[in-house]
Amino acid sequence: MAYNLPQFKQSLKDVEEWLKKEFTGIRTGRATPAILDGVKVDAYGTEMPINQVANISVEDARMLRITPWDASQVKAIEKAIMVSDLGLSVSVDDKGLRVNFPELTSDRRAALIKIAKQKLEDARVTVRTEREKAIKDIDGQEKEKKISEDEKFRMKADLQKVLDDVISILDELFAKKEKEITE
């Protein structure tokens, strides 16, 4: 019986997706609608994501345009963004709302890079934990004589190859985010 490599790959893919999501939450000076994904608006008696009550578009490098489908939701959207503590300024006009992304200071950039490095390290720790579980499982299968010693070494080599690929992807994601923050 071989080790369940697809399950291991899926675990690593989940870590990669988690890191991407975390990096999206790290706000740079550039306007991106994804920053508002976690903001909930009190609309029609329930908490709803902004993208379910309005259209969000990028107006320019530091400005988002939010156009509510129901004009009565403008105040609720404005309040939700202000309460979200994202450091964004909001202004209301006749078409809806404009969300302004302020310029980043060098101190804030350094802090954002530090946060991104911590998220990367969290992802690496999770990947290493998954690897240790997999190796323990493979060693257990060999002890129970379900697989041969040669199969054990081949499986470990396969795991390491997959792991190296994922680590390089995580590093690329960090490098991309670091570049985005420093520009």
C-alpha atoms as a PDB file:
ATOM      1  CA  MET A   1       0.000   0.000   0.000  1.00  0.00           C
ATOM      2  CA  ALA A   2       1.543   3.285  -1.094  1.00  0.00           C
ATOM      3  CA  TYR A   3       1.397   6.549   0.806  1.00  0.00           C
ATOM      4  CA  ASN A   4      -1.490   8.839  -0.113  1.00  0.00           C
ATOM      5  CA  LEU A   5       0.513  11.444  -2.044  1.00  0.00           C
ATOM      6  CA  PRO A   6      -2.542  13.259  -3.498  1.00  0.00           C
ATOM      7  CA  GLN A   7      -3.795  13.942   0.040  1.00  0.00           C
ATOM      8  CA  PHE A   8      -0.358  15.324   0.987  1.00  0.00           C
ATOM      9  CA  LYS A   9      -0.353  17.515  -2.137  1.00  0.00           C
ATOM     10  CA  GLN A  10      -3.836  18.809  -1.277  1.00  0.00           C
ATOM     11  CA  SER A  11      -2.698  19.713   2.245  1.00  0.00           C
ATOM     12  CA  LEU A  12       0.192  21.680   0.778  1.00  0.00           C
ATOM     13  CA  LYS A  13      -2.108  23.318  -1.775  1.00  0.00           C
ATOM     14  CA  ASP A  14      -4.365  24.414   1.099  1.00  0.00           C
ATOM     15  CA  VAL A  15      -1.347  26.035   2.799  1.00  0.00           C
ATOM     16  CA  GLU A  16      -0.493  27.820  -0.452  1.00  0.00           C
ATOM     17  CA  GLU A  17      -4.071  29.113  -0.803  1.00  0.00           C
ATOM     18  CA  TRP A  18      -4.057  30.235   2.830  1.00  0.00           C
ATOM     19  CA  LEU A  19      -0.849  32.217   2.279  1.00  0.00           C
ATOM     20  CA  LYS A  20      -2.274  33.857  -0.858  1.00  0.00           C
ATOM     21  CA  LYS A  21      -5.366  34.897   1.100  1.00  0.00           C
ATOM     22  CA  GLU A  22      -3.257  36.244   3.969  1.00  0.00           C
ATOM     23  CA  PHE A  23      -1.072  38.228   1.579  1.00  0.00           C
ATOM     24  CA  THR A  24      -4.161  39.760  -0.022  1.00  0.00           C
ATOM     25  CA  GLY A  25      -5.112  41.101   3.390  1.00  0.00           C
ATOM     26  CA  ILE A  26      -1.778  42.897   3.738  1.00  0.00           C
ATOM     27  CA  ARG A  27      -2.608  46.287   2.327  1.00  0.00           C
ATOM     28  CA  THR A  28      -0.146  48.112   0.178  1.00  0.00           C
ATOM     29  CA  GLY A  29      -0.660  51.595  -1.211  1.00  0.00           C
ATOM     30  CA  ARG A  30      -2.292  50.081  -4.295  1.00  0.00           C
ATOM     31  CA  ALA A  31      -6.071  49.872  -4.596  1.00  0.00           C
ATOM     32  CA  THR A  32      -7.366  46.329  -4.783  1.00  0.00           C
ATOM     33  CA  PRO A  33     -10.971  45.175  -4.309  1.00  0.00           C
ATOM     34  CA  ALA A  34      -9.752  42.076  -2.428  1.00  0.00           C
ATOM     35  CA  ILE A  35      -8.931  44.249   0.597  1.00  0.00           C
ATOM     36  CA  LEU A  36     -12.685  44.617   1.174  1.00  0.00           C
ATOM     37  CA  ASP A  37     -13.390  40.861   1.120  1.00  0.00           C
ATOM     38  CA  GLY A  38     -13.473  40.660   4.913  1.00  0.00           C
ATOM     39  CA  VAL A  39     -15.684  43.720   5.373  1.00  0.00           C
ATOM     40  CA  LYS A  40     -19.316  42.912   6.176  1.00  0.00           C
ATOM     41  CA  VAL A  41     -22.182  45.350   5.656  1.00  0.00           C
ATOM     42  CA  ASP A  42     -25.317  45.295   7.798  1.00  0.00           C
ATOM     43  CA  ALA A  43     -27.782  45.126   4.911  1.00  0.00           C
ATOM     44  CA  TYR A  44     -31.385  43.960   4.962  1.00  0.00           C
ATOM     45  CA  GLY A  45     -31.030  42.679   8.522  1.00  0.00           C
ATOM     46  CA  THR A  46     -28.000  40.441   7.899  1.00  0.00           C
ATOM     47  CA  GLU A  47     -24.250  40.768   7.637  1.00  0.00           C
ATOM     48  CA  MET A  48     -23.251  40.570   3.969  1.00  0.00           C
ATOM     49  CA  PRO A  49     -19.929  41.040   2.124  1.00  0.00           C
ATOM     50  CA  ILE A  50     -19.721  44.357   0.272  1.00  0.00           C
ATOM     51  CA  ASN A  51     -19.460  42.606  -3.097  1.00  0.00           C
ATOM     52  CA  GLN A  52     -22.962  41.168  -2.512  1.00  0.00           C
ATOM     53  CA  VAL A  53     -24.579  44.591  -2.159  1.00  0.00           C
ATOM     54  CA  ALA A  54     -22.467  46.695  -4.526  1.00  0.00           C
ATOM     55  CA  ASN A  55     -20.194  46.694  -7.528  1.00  0.00           C
ATOM     56  CA  ILE A  56     -16.511  47.322  -6.667  1.00  0.00           C
ATOM     57  CA  SER A  57     -14.132  48.618  -9.313  1.00  0.00           C
ATOM     58  CA  VAL A  58     -10.656  50.124  -9.412  1.00  0.00           C
ATOM     59  CA  GLU A  59     -10.837  53.792 -10.391  1.00  0.00           C
ATOM     60  CA  ASP A  60      -7.081  54.418 -10.336  1.00  0.00           C
ATOM     61  CA  ALA A  61      -3.956  53.161  -8.517  1.00  0.00           C
ATOM     62  CA  ARG A  62      -5.117  54.458  -5.148  1.00  0.00           C
ATOM     63  CA  MET A  63      -8.892  54.670  -5.506  1.00  0.00           C
ATOM     64  CA  LEU A  64     -11.779  52.184  -5.516  1.00  0.00           C
ATOM     65  CA  ARG A  65     -15.299  52.991  -6.669  1.00  0.00           C
ATOM     66  CA  ILE A  66     -18.162  51.259  -4.851  1.00  0.00           C
ATOM     67  CA  THR A  67     -21.510  51.513  -6.577  1.00  0.00           C
ATOM     68  CA  PRO A  68     -24.327  50.082  -4.412  1.00  0.00           C
ATOM     69  CA  TRP A  69     -27.155  48.328  -6.204  1.00  0.00           C
ATOM     70  CA  ASP A  70     -29.544  49.889  -3.706  1.00  0.00           C
ATOM     71  CA  ALA A  71     -28.805  53.561  -2.945  1.00  0.00           C
ATOM     72  CA  SER A  72     -30.172  53.144   0.588  1.00  0.00           C
ATOM     73  CA  GLN A  73     -27.117  50.998   1.439  1.00  0.00           C
ATOM     74  CA  VAL A  74     -24.538  53.804   0.973  1.00  0.00           C
ATOM     75  CA  LYS A  75     -24.432  54.766   4.675  1.00  0.00           C
ATOM     76  CA  ALA A  76     -24.196  51.122   5.800  1.00  0.00           C
ATOM     77  CA  ILE A  77     -21.308  50.468   3.402  1.00  0.00           C
ATOM     78  CA  GLU A  78     -19.526  53.648   4.512  1.00  0.00           C
ATOM     79  CA  LYS A  79     -19.929  52.676   8.174  1.00  0.00           C
ATOM     80  CA  ALA A  80     -18.688  49.108   7.541  1.00  0.00           C
ATOM     81  CA  ILE A  81     -15.502  50.356   5.848  1.00  0.00           C
ATOM     82  CA  MET A  82     -14.814  52.907   8.592  1.00  0.00           C
ATOM     83  CA  VAL A  83     -15.357  50.321  11.360  1.00  0.00           C
ATOM     84  CA  SER A  84     -13.177  47.747   9.570  1.00  0.00           C
ATOM     85  CA  ASP A  85     -10.010  49.596  10.689  1.00  0.00           C
ATOM     86  CA  LEU A  86      -8.267  49.154   7.335  1.00  0.00           C
ATOM     87  CA  GLY A  87      -6.954  52.713   7.355  1.00  0.00           C
ATOM     88  CA  LEU A  88      -8.955  53.677   4.275  1.00  0.00           C
ATOM     89  CA  SER A  89     -10.734  56.976   3.776  1.00  0.00           C
ATOM     90  CA  VAL A  90     -14.238  56.988   2.311  1.00  0.00           C
ATOM     91  CA  SER A  91     -16.122  59.768   0.571  1.00  0.00           C
ATOM     92  CA  VAL A  92     -19.697  59.647  -0.658  1.00  0.00           C
ATOM     93  CA  ASP A  93     -20.765  61.211  -3.941  1.00  0.00           C
ATOM     94  CA  ASP A  94     -23.776  60.977  -6.254  1.00  0.00           C
ATOM     95  CA  LYS A  95     -22.591  57.698  -7.859  1.00  0.00           C
ATOM     96  CA  GLY A  96     -21.782  55.866  -4.629  1.00  0.00           C
ATOM     97  CA  LEU A  97     -18.586  55.735  -2.603  1.00  0.00           C
ATOM     98  CA  ARG A  98     -14.936  56.391  -3.324  1.00  0.00           C
ATOM     99  CA  VAL A  99     -12.380  54.557  -1.175  1.00  0.00           C
ATOM    100  CA  ASN A 100      -8.964  56.202  -1.034  1.00  0.00           C
ATOM    101  CA  PHE A 101      -5.794  54.260  -0.210  1.00  0.00           C
ATOM    102  CA  PRO A 102      -3.302  56.586   1.526  1.00  0.00           C
ATOM    103  CA  GLU A 103       0.424  56.578   0.687  1.00  0.00           C
ATOM    104  CA  LEU A 104       2.579  54.227   2.761  1.00  0.00           C
ATOM    105  CA  THR A 105       5.376  55.528   4.945  1.00  0.00           C
ATOM    106  CA  SER A 106       8.731  53.733   5.038  1.00  0.00           C
ATOM    107  CA  ASP A 107       8.017  52.568   8.611  1.00  0.00           C
ATOM    108  CA  ARG A 108       4.672  51.142   7.552  1.00  0.00           C
ATOM    109  CA  ARG A 109       6.295  49.382   4.595  1.00  0.00           C
ATOM    110  CA  ALA A 110       8.871  47.784   6.917  1.00  0.00           C
ATOM    111  CA  ALA A 111       6.091  46.671   9.270  1.00  0.00           C
ATOM    112  CA  LEU A 112       4.109  45.173   6.364  1.00  0.00           C
ATOM    113  CA  ILE A 113       7.173  43.248   5.152  1.00  0.00           C
ATOM    114  CA  LYS A 114       7.687  41.929   8.680  1.00  0.00           C
ATOM    115  CA  ILE A 115       4.053  40.770   8.801  1.00  0.00           C
ATOM    116  CA  ALA A 116       4.427  39.104   5.384  1.00  0.00           C
ATOM    117  CA  LYS A 117       7.595  37.295   6.564  1.00  0.00           C
ATOM    118  CA  GLN A 118       5.714  36.030   9.620  1.00  0.00           C
ATOM    119  CA  LYS A 119       2.889  34.720   7.426  1.00  0.00           C
ATOM    120  CA  LEU A 120       5.473  32.997   5.207  1.00  0.00           C
ATOM    121  CA  GLU A 121       7.097  31.400   8.249  1.00  0.00           C
ATOM    122  CA  ASP A 122       3.688  30.220   9.520  1.00  0.00           C
ATOM    123  CA  ALA A 123       3.072  28.590   6.141  1.00  0.00           C
ATOM    124  CA  ARG A 124       6.516  26.935   6.203  1.00  0.00           C
ATOM    125  CA  VAL A 125       5.887  25.559   9.700  1.00  0.00           C
ATOM    126  CA  THR A 126       2.582  24.086   8.537  1.00  0.00           C
ATOM    127  CA  VAL A 127       4.303  22.529   5.507  1.00  0.00           C
ATOM    128  CA  ARG A 128       7.006  21.005   7.728  1.00  0.00           C
ATOM    129  CA  THR A 129       4.340  19.640  10.065  1.00  0.00           C
ATOM    130  CA  GLU A 130       2.574  17.993   7.116  1.00  0.00           C
ATOM    131  CA  ARG A 131       5.911  16.515   5.995  1.00  0.00           C
ATOM    132  CA  GLU A 132       6.568  15.081   9.464  1.00  0.00           C
ATOM    133  CA  LYS A 133       3.110  13.475   9.535  1.00  0.00           C
ATOM    134  CA  ALA A 134       3.725  11.941   6.110  1.00  0.00           C
ATOM    135  CA  ILE A 135       7.169  10.616   7.071  1.00  0.00           C
ATOM    136  CA  LYS A 136       5.788   9.141  10.285  1.00  0.00           C
ATOM    137  CA  ASP A 137       3.047   7.431   8.271  1.00  0.00           C
ATOM    138  CA  ILE A 138       5.548   6.033   5.756  1.00  0.00           C
ATOM    139  CA  ASP A 139       7.846   4.769   8.524  1.00  0.00           C
ATOM    140  CA  GLY A 140       4.848   3.146  10.212  1.00  0.00           C
ATOM    141  CA  GLN A 141       3.886   1.387   6.992  1.00  0.00           C
ATOM    142  CA  GLU A 142       7.417  -0.004   6.669  1.00  0.00           C
ATOM    143  CA  LYS A 143       7.418  -1.251  10.280  1.00  0.00           C
ATOM    144  CA  GLU A 144       4.107  -3.007   9.653  1.00  0.00           C
ATOM    145  CA  LYS A 145       5.705  -4.585   6.556  1.00  0.00           C
ATOM    146  CA  LYS A 146       3.120  -2.989   4.258  1.00  0.00           C
ATOM    147  CA  ILE A 147       5.911  -1.494   2.145  1.00  0.00           C
ATOM    148  CA  SER A 148       9.554  -2.390   1.543  1.00  0.00           C
ATOM    149  CA  GLU A 149      12.536  -0.290   2.590  1.00  0.00           C
ATOM    150  CA  ASP A 150      13.141   0.675  -1.045  1.00  0.00           C
ATOM    151  CA  GLU A 151       9.541   1.865  -1.371  1.00  0.00           C
ATOM    152  CA  LYS A 152       9.952   3.870   1.828  1.00  0.00           C
ATOM    153  CA  PHE A 153      12.979   5.718   0.429  1.00  0.00           C
ATOM    154  CA  ARG A 154      11.260   6.290  -2.921  1.00  0.00           C
ATOM    155  CA  MET A 155       8.155   7.696  -1.208  1.00  0.00           C
ATOM    156  CA  LYS A 156      10.264   9.971   0.986  1.00  0.00           C
ATOM    157  CA  ALA A 157      12.100  11.219  -2.104  1.00  0.00           C
ATOM    158  CA  ASP A 158       8.750  11.888  -3.822  1.00  0.00           C
ATOM    159  CA  LEU A 159       7.515  13.750  -0.751  1.00  0.00           C
ATOM    160  CA  GLN A 160      10.656  15.867  -0.651  1.00  0.00           C
ATOM    161  CA  LYS A 161      10.314  16.776  -4.330  1.00  0.00           C
ATOM    162  CA  VAL A 162       6.706  17.903  -3.813  1.00  0.00           C
ATOM    163  CA  LEU A 163       7.749  19.766  -0.674  1.00  0.00           C
ATOM    164  CA  ASP A 164      10.595  21.579  -2.449  1.00  0.00           C
ATOM    165  CA  ASP A 165       8.196  22.674  -5.198  1.00  0.00           C
ATOM    166  CA  VAL A 166       5.700  24.069  -2.679  1.00  0.00           C
ATOM    167  CA  ILE A 167       8.405  25.866  -0.677  1.00  0.00           C
ATOM    168  CA  SER A 168       9.641  27.546  -3.864  1.00  0.00           C
ATOM    169  CA  ILE A 169       6.058  28.622  -4.690  1.00  0.00           C
ATOM    170  CA  LEU A 170       5.658  30.077  -1.176  1.00  0.00           C
ATOM    171  CA  ASP A 171       8.961  31.934  -1.545  1.00  0.00           C
ATOM    172  CA  GLU A 172       7.826  33.324  -4.910  1.00  0.00           C
ATOM    173  CA  LEU A 173       4.571  34.527  -3.366  1.00  0.00           C
ATOM    174  CA  PHE A 174       6.537  36.303  -0.634  1.00  0.00           C
ATOM    175  CA  ALA A 175       8.976  37.859  -3.110  1.00  0.00           C
ATOM    176  CA  LYS A 176       6.055  39.159  -5.172  1.00  0.00           C
ATOM    177  CA  LYS A 177       4.344  40.628  -2.096  1.00  0.00           C
ATOM    178  CA  GLU A 178       7.608  42.166  -0.862  1.00  0.00           C
ATOM    179  CA  LYS A 179       8.124  43.834  -4.243  1.00  0.00           C
ATOM    180  CA  GLU A 180       4.531  45.088  -4.199  1.00  0.00           C
ATOM    181  CA  ILE A 181       5.032  46.588  -0.725  1.00  0.00           C
ATOM    182  CA  THR A 182       8.354  48.282  -1.519  1.00  0.00           C
ATOM    183  CA  GLU A 183       7.256  49.854  -4.819  1.00  0.00           C
END
